[in-house]
Amino acid sequence: MVVGDFPIELDTLVVGAGPGGYVAAIRAAQTGQKVTVVERGEVGGVCLNVGCIPSKALIEVGHRYEKAKGEETMGITTENPTVDFSKVQEYKESIVKKLTGGVSGLLKGNKVDVVKGEVYFVDKNTVKVMDEKSSQTYTFKNCIIATGSTPIELPAFKFSDRVLDSTGALNLKEIPKKLVVIGGGYIGTELGSAYANLGSELVILEGLDEILGGFEKQMSSIVKKRLEKKGATIVTKAMAKGVEESADGVKVTYEVNGKEETVEADYVLVTVGRRPNTSEIGLEQVGIELDDRGLIKIDDQCRTTVDGIYAIGDIVAGPPLAHKASYEGKVAAEAIAGEKSAIDYQAIPAVVFSDPELASVGYSEQEAKDAGYDVKAAKFPYAANGRALSLNESEGFVKLVTRKEDGLLIGAQVAGANASDLIAELGLAIEAGMTAEDIALTIHAHPTLGEMVMEAADVALDAPIHIM
């Protein structure tokens, strides 16, 4: 031990101040625990600083620019709108600054100490927190690990000024004339769509049969169709092989149908997934068990295999979603406090901020059938909704998956404008154990997009009003 390094005793140590860690820290403090949260980067983690929030700002700028170009069908014409991308970046950073400042204020207000540094586990009750200058020992009764994840770097595509991860794509100084995206999942599709809306020529290389593989084909095909309408090229069943970089661009080589192809662009964005940040923090010193993907094994209260240590977020099984991490953070903090909280993922929504948006909660139709349920799927189209037509957003649908025996809602999908907002009501309905009849009897305001939820419930009851 370093001379003078006297251990600081804590009730609860939280490792990581992202959307899982800071929520866990605040909830733990609210239950009366003495809490310190350690963060090696910035408060707010990837999500607030270089992920969810800045990407949505960039996506919104793309939508505003598209609208600024006019809408002839609405009688609006404009001439040569321009984008000052340096101001776009300033706008994006201002939002990040407000939110991270707000989180810091919340931590302080809840009397949570924030320490900057890297954590290394010495044993099951002790860590070293190190920065560039010093090391401090902390002992704890309980610990919540929330270290998040990092973009996967392909061996043939080392990140550089021209080969970008999601952070690099968000921090560009210019709008690319042409952008290649490797990986058509939610990150690649969101960022690719944002730049396509800002005028970039977009090429997506996806190894699977379809982009956005986590969603039903009837949903992802709407996004694919709109991207292609913007001039994007989407190549599926494509295997990226390598890249040649120059001072002003890249040449990407890929294979499709047994044939090697090349495409040149200003940048290539690699979004093939993320890996959990579970290495090099001393977990092996403690004996915490990992699965074959490097994820920490937990029970239904987020306990690891070591007593007193919990894990949440991207480092445990399940979709890498910020709201999942926050939810697990509350469960872990409350479990430490002796409460009966336990994780239940049935009503956790998944959203992709593509164009148009996609959202899903609970079972898809196929998942429900695979799970042994006898289900009915009921769809209502955006094209039959007055509000959608007035917004010139007629593509998409609301779909309910109900159990045939009693009409219980067990899943829902929305593809179309504002899907990210509409899915909240459907998640609540699943959590509350509501049936199609309950939803149909709930009066929805007119004219709104939310009416489609009620209309889809009418379809489920074989009593549709506004479609045949």
Protein backbone atom coordinates (compact mmCIF):
# COMPACT_ATOMS: atom_id res chain seq x y z
CA MET A 1 0.00 0.00 0.00
CA VAL A 2 1.18 3.50 -0.82
CA VAL A 3 2.34 5.38 2.29
CA GLY A 4 -0.48 7.64 3.44
CA ASP A 5 -3.07 5.72 1.39
CA PHE A 6 -5.51 5.15 4.23
CA PRO A 7 -8.64 3.30 3.05
CA ILE A 8 -11.84 5.32 2.76
CA GLU A 9 -14.85 3.34 3.98
CA LEU A 10 -18.10 3.37 2.03
CA ASP A 11 -21.51 1.77 2.27
CA THR A 12 -21.85 1.53 -1.50
CA LEU A 13 -19.37 2.07 -4.34
CA VAL A 14 -20.70 2.56 -7.87
CA VAL A 15 -18.22 2.01 -10.69
CA GLY A 16 -19.27 4.10 -13.70
CA ALA A 17 -21.46 7.21 -13.92
CA GLY A 18 -23.40 6.45 -17.09
CA PRO A 19 -27.21 6.13 -17.21
CA GLY A 20 -26.97 2.94 -15.15
CA GLY A 21 -24.36 4.07 -12.65
CA TYR A 22 -25.57 7.56 -11.83
CA VAL A 23 -29.18 6.36 -11.44
CA ALA A 24 -27.99 3.53 -9.16
CA ALA A 25 -25.94 6.00 -7.10
CA ILE A 26 -28.84 8.42 -6.65
CA ARG A 27 -31.32 5.68 -5.77
CA ALA A 28 -28.85 4.14 -3.31
CA ALA A 29 -28.33 7.52 -1.65
CA GLN A 30 -32.10 7.99 -1.41
CA THR A 31 -32.32 4.74 0.58
CA GLY A 32 -29.83 6.11 3.13
CA GLN A 33 -26.59 4.61 1.82
CA LYS A 34 -23.28 6.48 1.85
CA VAL A 35 -22.36 6.42 -1.84
CA THR A 36 -19.33 7.23 -3.97
CA VAL A 37 -19.40 6.88 -7.73
CA VAL A 38 -16.16 6.53 -9.70
CA GLU A 39 -16.00 7.54 -13.37
CA ARG A 40 -12.93 7.44 -15.59
CA GLY A 41 -14.46 9.71 -18.24
CA GLU A 42 -17.28 12.21 -17.96
CA VAL A 43 -20.41 12.03 -15.80
CA GLY A 44 -23.24 10.74 -17.94
CA GLY A 45 -21.10 8.10 -19.61
CA VAL A 46 -21.27 7.19 -23.29
CA CYS A 47 -25.01 7.88 -23.58
CA LEU A 48 -25.02 11.53 -22.55
CA ASN A 49 -21.60 12.46 -23.91
CA VAL A 50 -21.00 10.54 -27.13
CA GLY A 51 -24.06 8.35 -27.70
CA CYS A 52 -27.82 8.62 -27.23
CA ILE A 53 -28.10 12.36 -26.68
CA PRO A 54 -25.66 13.87 -29.21
CA SER A 55 -26.80 11.40 -31.87
CA LYS A 56 -30.43 12.44 -31.40
CA ALA A 57 -29.41 16.09 -31.69
CA LEU A 58 -27.68 15.33 -35.00
CA ILE A 59 -30.67 13.30 -36.19
CA GLU A 60 -33.02 16.18 -35.38
CA VAL A 61 -30.80 18.63 -37.28
CA GLY A 62 -31.04 16.32 -40.29
CA HIS A 63 -34.85 16.31 -40.05
CA ARG A 64 -34.96 20.12 -39.72
CA TYR A 65 -32.70 20.51 -42.76
CA GLU A 66 -34.95 18.21 -44.81
CA LYS A 67 -37.98 20.25 -43.81
CA ALA A 68 -36.14 23.49 -44.60
CA LYS A 69 -35.76 22.31 -48.18
CA GLY A 70 -39.52 22.67 -48.54
CA GLU A 71 -42.51 20.43 -49.16
CA GLU A 72 -44.07 20.90 -52.58
CA THR A 73 -47.09 18.79 -51.72
CA MET A 74 -47.79 21.23 -48.88
CA GLY A 75 -47.18 24.22 -51.11
CA ILE A 76 -43.89 25.15 -49.49
CA THR A 77 -40.86 25.88 -51.65
CA THR A 78 -37.51 27.25 -50.54
CA GLU A 79 -34.22 28.05 -52.21
CA ASN A 80 -30.84 26.65 -51.25
CA PRO A 81 -30.99 26.17 -47.46
CA THR A 82 -27.52 25.71 -46.01
CA VAL A 83 -25.99 23.99 -42.99
CA ASP A 84 -23.22 25.55 -40.92
CA PHE A 85 -21.85 22.32 -39.49
CA SER A 86 -19.64 24.05 -36.94
CA LYS A 87 -22.80 25.57 -35.44
CA VAL A 88 -24.48 22.17 -35.55
CA GLN A 89 -21.63 20.80 -33.45
CA GLU A 90 -21.92 23.76 -31.05
CA TYR A 91 -25.66 23.08 -30.70
CA LYS A 92 -25.03 19.37 -30.07
CA GLU A 93 -22.38 20.10 -27.44
CA SER A 94 -24.60 22.66 -25.70
CA ILE A 95 -27.24 19.98 -25.12
CA VAL A 96 -24.63 17.56 -23.81
CA LYS A 97 -23.28 20.22 -21.45
CA LYS A 98 -26.75 21.01 -20.07
CA LEU A 99 -27.57 17.38 -19.39
CA THR A 100 -24.21 16.36 -17.91
CA GLY A 101 -24.30 19.49 -15.74
CA GLY A 102 -27.78 18.50 -14.62
CA VAL A 103 -26.63 14.99 -13.70
CA SER A 104 -23.69 16.39 -11.73
CA GLY A 105 -26.14 18.63 -9.87
CA LEU A 106 -28.41 15.70 -9.08
CA LEU A 107 -25.51 13.64 -7.73
CA LYS A 108 -24.38 16.55 -5.57
CA GLY A 109 -27.93 17.23 -4.39
CA ASN A 110 -28.26 13.61 -3.29
CA LYS A 111 -24.90 13.82 -1.46
CA VAL A 112 -23.18 11.35 -3.78
CA ASP A 113 -19.42 11.83 -3.94
CA VAL A 114 -17.96 11.70 -7.46
CA VAL A 115 -14.37 10.53 -7.90
CA LYS A 116 -12.48 10.59 -11.20
CA GLY A 117 -10.22 7.66 -11.97
CA GLU A 118 -9.78 4.04 -13.01
CA VAL A 119 -11.00 1.27 -10.71
CA TYR A 120 -9.12 -1.96 -10.02
CA PHE A 121 -10.53 -4.59 -7.68
CA VAL A 122 -8.10 -5.79 -5.00
CA ASP A 123 -10.56 -8.15 -3.31
CA LYS A 124 -14.32 -8.46 -2.86
CA ASN A 125 -14.50 -5.47 -0.52
CA THR A 126 -11.61 -3.30 -1.75
CA VAL A 127 -10.69 -1.32 -4.85
CA LYS A 128 -7.87 0.98 -5.89
CA VAL A 129 -8.93 4.14 -7.70
CA MET A 130 -6.11 5.51 -9.80
CA ASP A 131 -5.63 8.64 -11.84
CA GLU A 132 -2.49 9.96 -13.56
CA LYS A 133 -1.00 11.23 -10.30
CA SER A 134 -2.18 9.12 -7.41
CA SER A 135 -3.92 6.04 -6.05
CA GLN A 136 -6.55 5.79 -3.33
CA THR A 137 -7.94 2.69 -1.62
CA TYR A 138 -11.64 2.35 -0.92
CA THR A 139 -13.38 -0.36 1.08
CA PHE A 140 -17.07 -0.99 0.66
CA LYS A 141 -19.92 -3.11 1.97
CA ASN A 142 -21.58 -3.24 -1.45
CA CYS A 143 -20.54 -2.37 -4.99
CA ILE A 144 -22.49 -1.82 -8.22
CA ILE A 145 -20.41 -2.27 -11.38
CA ALA A 146 -21.72 -0.18 -14.30
CA THR A 147 -18.72 0.14 -16.61
CA GLY A 148 -20.65 0.06 -19.89
CA SER A 149 -19.33 -0.99 -23.28
CA THR A 150 -16.95 0.03 -26.06
CA PRO A 151 -17.34 -0.11 -29.88
CA ILE A 152 -15.90 -3.28 -31.42
CA GLU A 153 -12.89 -2.55 -33.61
CA LEU A 154 -12.44 -4.88 -36.59
CA PRO A 155 -8.83 -6.02 -37.17
CA ALA A 156 -8.97 -4.87 -40.80
CA PHE A 157 -10.57 -1.54 -39.88
CA LYS A 158 -8.46 0.10 -37.18
CA PHE A 159 -10.07 3.33 -35.99
CA SER A 160 -8.39 6.47 -37.35
CA ASP A 161 -9.25 9.90 -38.73
CA ARG A 162 -11.03 8.25 -41.68
CA VAL A 163 -12.14 4.95 -40.12
CA LEU A 164 -14.67 6.02 -37.50
CA ASP A 165 -16.46 4.59 -34.53
CA SER A 166 -19.75 6.18 -33.43
CA THR A 167 -17.93 8.83 -31.38
CA GLY A 168 -15.82 9.82 -34.37
CA ALA A 169 -18.89 10.04 -36.59
CA LEU A 170 -20.58 12.40 -34.12
CA ASN A 171 -17.54 14.67 -33.93
CA LEU A 172 -16.82 15.23 -37.63
CA LYS A 173 -15.88 18.75 -38.65
CA GLU A 174 -17.71 18.42 -41.97
CA ILE A 175 -20.66 16.70 -43.58
CA PRO A 176 -19.20 13.87 -45.67
CA LYS A 177 -19.95 13.97 -49.38
CA LYS A 178 -20.02 10.18 -49.20
CA LEU A 179 -20.14 7.88 -46.18
CA VAL A 180 -19.80 4.10 -46.01
CA VAL A 181 -21.34 2.41 -42.96
CA ILE A 182 -20.29 -1.13 -42.03
CA GLY A 183 -23.12 -2.63 -40.01
CA GLY A 184 -26.79 -1.84 -40.55
CA GLY A 185 -27.88 -2.16 -36.91
CA TYR A 186 -29.49 0.64 -34.95
CA ILE A 187 -26.34 2.75 -34.49
CA GLY A 188 -25.24 2.51 -38.12
CA THR A 189 -28.73 3.15 -39.42
CA GLU A 190 -29.36 6.11 -37.12
CA LEU A 191 -26.09 7.89 -37.87
CA GLY A 192 -26.17 6.95 -41.54
CA SER A 193 -29.72 8.29 -41.84
CA ALA A 194 -28.75 11.53 -40.09
CA TYR A 195 -25.95 12.22 -42.58
CA ALA A 196 -28.13 11.11 -45.51
CA ASN A 197 -30.67 13.74 -44.41
CA LEU A 198 -27.87 16.31 -44.33
CA GLY A 199 -26.95 15.49 -47.93
CA SER A 200 -24.34 12.72 -47.69
CA GLU A 201 -24.35 9.91 -50.23
CA LEU A 202 -24.78 6.83 -48.05
CA VAL A 203 -23.68 3.23 -48.54
CA ILE A 204 -24.58 0.63 -45.89
CA LEU A 205 -22.83 -2.75 -45.90
CA GLU A 206 -24.73 -5.30 -43.81
CA GLY A 207 -23.70 -8.91 -43.30
CA LEU A 208 -27.22 -10.23 -42.62
CA ASP A 209 -30.21 -10.48 -44.96
CA GLU A 210 -31.70 -7.19 -43.75
CA ILE A 211 -30.70 -4.03 -41.92
CA LEU A 212 -32.08 -3.55 -38.39
CA GLY A 213 -32.15 -7.28 -37.75
CA GLY A 214 -33.64 -6.85 -34.28
CA PHE A 215 -36.94 -5.71 -35.78
CA GLU A 216 -39.50 -7.50 -37.94
CA LYS A 217 -38.88 -7.29 -41.68
CA GLN A 218 -42.19 -5.51 -42.22
CA MET A 219 -40.78 -2.73 -40.01
CA SER A 220 -37.20 -2.54 -41.27
CA SER A 221 -38.34 -2.60 -44.91
CA ILE A 222 -40.07 0.77 -44.40
CA VAL A 223 -36.78 2.30 -43.24
CA LYS A 224 -34.89 0.64 -46.09
CA LYS A 225 -37.36 1.96 -48.65
CA ARG A 226 -37.09 5.53 -47.37
CA LEU A 227 -33.28 5.40 -47.26
CA GLU A 228 -33.18 4.20 -50.85
CA LYS A 229 -35.57 7.01 -51.77
CA LYS A 230 -32.93 9.42 -50.42
CA GLY A 231 -30.37 7.82 -52.74
CA ALA A 232 -28.76 5.46 -50.22
CA THR A 233 -27.27 2.16 -51.38
CA ILE A 234 -27.90 -0.79 -49.06
CA VAL A 235 -25.90 -3.95 -49.69
CA THR A 236 -26.95 -6.97 -47.62
CA LYS A 237 -25.08 -10.27 -47.17
CA ALA A 238 -21.91 -8.21 -47.56
CA MET A 239 -18.64 -9.01 -45.80
CA ALA A 240 -16.26 -6.08 -45.25
CA LYS A 241 -12.69 -7.16 -46.08
CA GLY A 242 -10.40 -4.15 -45.71
CA VAL A 243 -9.77 -0.45 -46.20
CA GLU A 244 -7.17 1.72 -47.89
CA GLU A 245 -6.83 5.21 -46.45
CA SER A 246 -5.58 8.35 -48.15
CA ALA A 247 -5.33 11.97 -47.06
CA ASP A 248 -8.82 12.74 -48.30
CA GLY A 249 -10.75 9.48 -48.27
CA VAL A 250 -11.05 5.70 -48.01
CA LYS A 251 -11.46 2.76 -50.36
CA VAL A 252 -13.42 -0.05 -48.76
CA THR A 253 -13.25 -3.60 -50.10
CA TYR A 254 -16.11 -5.99 -49.44
CA GLU A 255 -17.40 -9.30 -50.72
CA VAL A 256 -20.97 -10.04 -51.79
CA ASN A 257 -22.26 -13.15 -53.58
CA GLY A 258 -18.71 -14.46 -53.84
CA LYS A 259 -17.54 -11.36 -55.72
CA GLU A 260 -15.13 -8.73 -54.41
CA GLU A 261 -16.25 -5.11 -54.76
CA THR A 262 -14.83 -1.73 -53.76
CA VAL A 263 -16.43 1.57 -52.83
CA GLU A 264 -14.72 4.92 -52.27
CA ALA A 265 -15.90 7.52 -49.78
CA ASP A 266 -14.75 10.34 -47.51
CA TYR A 267 -15.14 8.21 -44.37
CA VAL A 268 -16.11 4.73 -43.28
CA LEU A 269 -18.13 4.26 -40.08
CA VAL A 270 -17.79 0.86 -38.36
CA THR A 271 -20.79 -0.11 -36.21
CA VAL A 272 -20.66 -3.88 -35.80
CA GLY A 273 -21.52 -3.98 -32.13
CA ARG A 274 -20.07 -3.19 -28.73
CA ARG A 275 -18.06 -5.22 -26.22
CA PRO A 276 -18.54 -5.11 -22.43
CA ASN A 277 -15.97 -3.21 -20.38
CA THR A 278 -15.19 -6.11 -18.06
CA SER A 279 -11.48 -6.66 -18.71
CA GLU A 280 -8.53 -5.09 -16.89
CA ILE A 281 -10.49 -4.03 -13.80
CA GLY A 282 -9.52 -6.99 -11.64
CA LEU A 283 -12.69 -9.03 -11.76
CA GLU A 284 -10.55 -12.18 -11.76
CA GLN A 285 -9.10 -11.05 -8.41
CA VAL A 286 -12.59 -11.23 -6.93
CA GLY A 287 -13.84 -14.39 -8.63
CA ILE A 288 -16.78 -12.78 -10.43
CA GLU A 289 -18.07 -15.20 -13.06
CA LEU A 290 -18.44 -14.13 -16.70
CA ASP A 291 -20.22 -15.87 -19.56
CA ASP A 292 -18.57 -16.75 -22.87
CA ARG A 293 -19.27 -13.24 -24.21
CA GLY A 294 -17.49 -11.55 -21.33
CA LEU A 295 -20.76 -10.52 -19.68
CA ILE A 296 -21.11 -10.67 -15.90
CA LYS A 297 -23.55 -13.30 -14.63
CA ILE A 298 -26.30 -11.88 -12.38
CA ASP A 299 -29.48 -13.02 -10.66
CA ASP A 300 -32.87 -11.27 -10.77
CA GLN A 301 -31.68 -8.61 -8.30
CA CYS A 302 -28.49 -7.89 -10.29
CA ARG A 303 -26.25 -9.77 -7.81
CA THR A 304 -23.10 -11.26 -9.27
CA THR A 305 -21.66 -14.58 -8.12
CA VAL A 306 -19.75 -12.68 -5.40
CA ASP A 307 -21.71 -11.59 -2.34
CA GLY A 308 -22.14 -7.82 -2.07
CA ILE A 309 -21.19 -7.05 -5.70
CA TYR A 310 -23.85 -6.19 -8.28
CA ALA A 311 -23.64 -5.51 -12.03
CA ILE A 312 -25.91 -3.59 -14.42
CA GLY A 313 -26.14 -2.24 -17.96
CA ASP A 314 -24.14 -3.26 -21.01
CA ILE A 315 -21.91 -5.59 -18.96
CA VAL A 316 -24.79 -7.99 -18.25
CA ALA A 317 -27.02 -10.00 -20.59
CA GLY A 318 -29.78 -8.29 -22.53
CA PRO A 319 -30.03 -5.44 -25.03
CA PRO A 320 -27.49 -2.62 -24.56
CA LEU A 321 -30.07 0.08 -23.84
CA ALA A 322 -29.62 3.11 -21.59
CA HIS A 323 -33.10 2.76 -20.11
CA LYS A 324 -32.42 -0.90 -19.32
CA ALA A 325 -29.26 0.14 -17.45
CA SER A 326 -31.16 2.80 -15.49
CA TYR A 327 -33.87 0.31 -14.58
CA GLU A 328 -31.31 -2.25 -13.41
CA GLY A 329 -29.53 0.48 -11.44
CA LYS A 330 -32.67 1.12 -9.40
CA VAL A 331 -33.20 -2.61 -8.83
CA ALA A 332 -29.61 -3.11 -7.63
CA ALA A 333 -29.73 -0.10 -5.28
CA GLU A 334 -33.04 -1.19 -3.84
CA ALA A 335 -31.85 -4.79 -3.43
CA ILE A 336 -28.88 -3.53 -1.39
CA ALA A 337 -31.37 -1.62 0.77
CA GLY A 338 -33.25 -4.86 1.45
CA GLU A 339 -36.21 -4.13 -0.81
CA LYS A 340 -37.85 -6.85 -2.93
CA SER A 341 -37.18 -5.23 -6.32
CA ALA A 342 -36.37 -7.67 -9.15
CA ILE A 343 -35.73 -7.31 -12.85
CA ASP A 344 -38.51 -8.05 -15.35
CA TYR A 345 -37.67 -7.19 -18.94
CA GLN A 346 -41.08 -7.98 -20.50
CA ALA A 347 -42.10 -4.34 -20.87
CA ILE A 348 -38.72 -2.80 -21.78
CA PRO A 349 -39.07 -1.03 -25.14
CA ALA A 350 -36.52 -0.97 -27.94
CA VAL A 351 -36.39 2.07 -30.19
CA VAL A 352 -34.36 3.00 -33.24
CA PHE A 353 -34.43 6.67 -34.27
CA SER A 354 -34.32 5.86 -37.95
CA ASP A 355 -36.40 7.55 -40.62
CA PRO A 356 -39.15 6.71 -39.86
CA GLU A 357 -38.75 5.59 -36.26
CA LEU A 358 -39.23 1.98 -35.16
CA ALA A 359 -40.23 0.83 -31.69
CA SER A 360 -41.11 -2.49 -30.10
CA VAL A 361 -42.09 -3.73 -26.66
CA GLY A 362 -42.86 -7.19 -25.35
CA TYR A 363 -43.16 -10.08 -27.79
CA SER A 364 -43.13 -9.80 -31.56
CA GLU A 365 -45.70 -11.98 -33.28
CA GLN A 366 -43.11 -14.66 -34.10
CA GLU A 367 -41.50 -14.53 -30.66
CA ALA A 368 -44.91 -15.06 -29.06
CA LYS A 369 -45.59 -18.07 -31.27
CA ASP A 370 -42.12 -19.48 -30.53
CA ALA A 371 -42.88 -19.09 -26.82
CA GLY A 372 -45.98 -21.24 -27.25
CA TYR A 373 -48.68 -18.56 -27.22
CA ASP A 374 -51.72 -18.67 -29.48
CA VAL A 375 -51.82 -15.04 -30.57
CA LYS A 376 -53.64 -12.59 -32.76
CA ALA A 377 -51.83 -9.75 -34.54
CA ALA A 378 -53.82 -6.58 -35.23
CA LYS A 379 -52.45 -3.74 -37.38
CA PHE A 380 -53.66 -0.22 -38.03
CA PRO A 381 -51.94 1.84 -40.76
CA TYR A 382 -50.67 5.40 -40.48
CA ALA A 383 -52.32 6.00 -43.87
CA ALA A 384 -55.76 5.79 -42.21
CA ASN A 385 -54.96 8.30 -39.44
CA GLY A 386 -55.89 11.93 -39.93
CA ARG A 387 -53.02 13.34 -37.90
CA ALA A 388 -50.47 11.24 -39.78
CA LEU A 389 -51.83 12.46 -43.10
CA SER A 390 -51.73 16.10 -41.95
CA LEU A 391 -48.06 15.57 -41.01
CA ASN A 392 -47.42 14.01 -44.44
CA GLU A 393 -46.28 10.86 -42.59
CA SER A 394 -48.50 8.15 -44.04
CA GLU A 395 -45.93 5.32 -43.99
CA GLY A 396 -46.06 2.85 -41.11
CA PHE A 397 -48.37 1.03 -38.75
CA VAL A 398 -49.23 0.21 -35.15
CA LYS A 399 -49.37 -3.52 -34.41
CA LEU A 400 -50.68 -5.23 -31.30
CA VAL A 401 -49.92 -8.83 -30.35
CA THR A 402 -52.66 -10.21 -28.10
CA ARG A 403 -53.30 -13.59 -26.52
CA LYS A 404 -56.29 -15.19 -28.24
CA GLU A 405 -57.78 -16.75 -25.12
CA ASP A 406 -58.35 -13.46 -23.29
CA GLY A 407 -57.12 -10.56 -25.44
CA LEU A 408 -54.19 -9.83 -23.11
CA LEU A 409 -51.64 -7.52 -24.73
CA ILE A 410 -48.25 -9.26 -24.70
CA GLY A 411 -46.42 -7.29 -27.40
CA ALA A 412 -46.60 -4.27 -29.67
CA GLN A 413 -44.67 -2.72 -32.54
CA VAL A 414 -44.82 0.74 -34.08
CA ALA A 415 -43.20 1.78 -37.34
CA GLY A 416 -43.65 5.41 -38.30
CA ALA A 417 -43.41 9.01 -37.13
CA ASN A 418 -43.11 9.43 -33.36
CA ALA A 419 -42.94 5.68 -32.75
CA SER A 420 -40.54 6.38 -29.88
CA ASP A 421 -43.33 8.26 -28.06
CA LEU A 422 -46.24 6.00 -29.00
CA ILE A 423 -44.51 2.90 -27.59
CA ALA A 424 -44.72 4.27 -24.02
CA GLU A 425 -48.48 3.75 -23.79
CA LEU A 426 -48.12 0.21 -25.08
CA GLY A 427 -45.36 -0.59 -22.59
CA LEU A 428 -47.58 0.68 -19.78
CA ALA A 429 -50.47 -1.44 -21.08
CA ILE A 430 -48.31 -4.58 -21.00
CA GLU A 431 -46.95 -3.74 -17.54
CA ALA A 432 -50.48 -3.15 -16.25
CA GLY A 433 -51.82 -6.41 -17.73
CA MET A 434 -54.31 -4.66 -20.01
CA THR A 435 -56.34 -6.34 -22.73
CA ALA A 436 -57.28 -5.10 -26.20
CA GLU A 437 -60.70 -4.27 -24.79
CA ASP A 438 -59.17 -2.09 -22.04
CA ILE A 439 -57.26 -0.12 -24.67
CA ALA A 440 -60.24 0.16 -27.03
CA LEU A 441 -62.38 1.54 -24.18
CA THR A 442 -59.76 4.21 -23.39
CA ILE A 443 -60.85 7.38 -25.18
CA HIS A 444 -57.98 8.88 -27.17
CA ALA A 445 -57.89 12.53 -28.26
CA HIS A 446 -58.62 13.35 -31.90
CA PRO A 447 -56.79 14.04 -34.13
CA THR A 448 -53.62 12.42 -32.75
CA LEU A 449 -51.20 9.69 -33.69
CA GLY A 450 -52.08 8.04 -30.37
CA GLU A 451 -55.54 7.20 -31.74
CA MET A 452 -53.89 4.45 -33.77
CA VAL A 453 -53.30 2.49 -30.57
CA MET A 454 -57.04 2.53 -29.88
CA GLU A 455 -57.83 1.76 -33.53
CA ALA A 456 -55.45 -1.24 -33.51
CA ALA A 457 -57.22 -2.49 -30.38
CA ASP A 458 -60.52 -2.24 -32.26
CA VAL A 459 -58.96 -4.36 -35.01
CA ALA A 460 -57.93 -6.94 -32.39
CA LEU A 461 -61.59 -7.06 -31.26
CA ASP A 462 -62.77 -7.53 -34.87
CA ALA A 463 -64.58 -4.18 -34.67
CA PRO A 464 -62.48 -1.71 -36.70
CA ILE A 465 -64.06 1.63 -37.51
CA HIS A 466 -61.64 3.37 -39.87
CA ILE A 467 -60.36 0.45 -41.95
CA MET A 468 -62.18 -2.39 -43.69
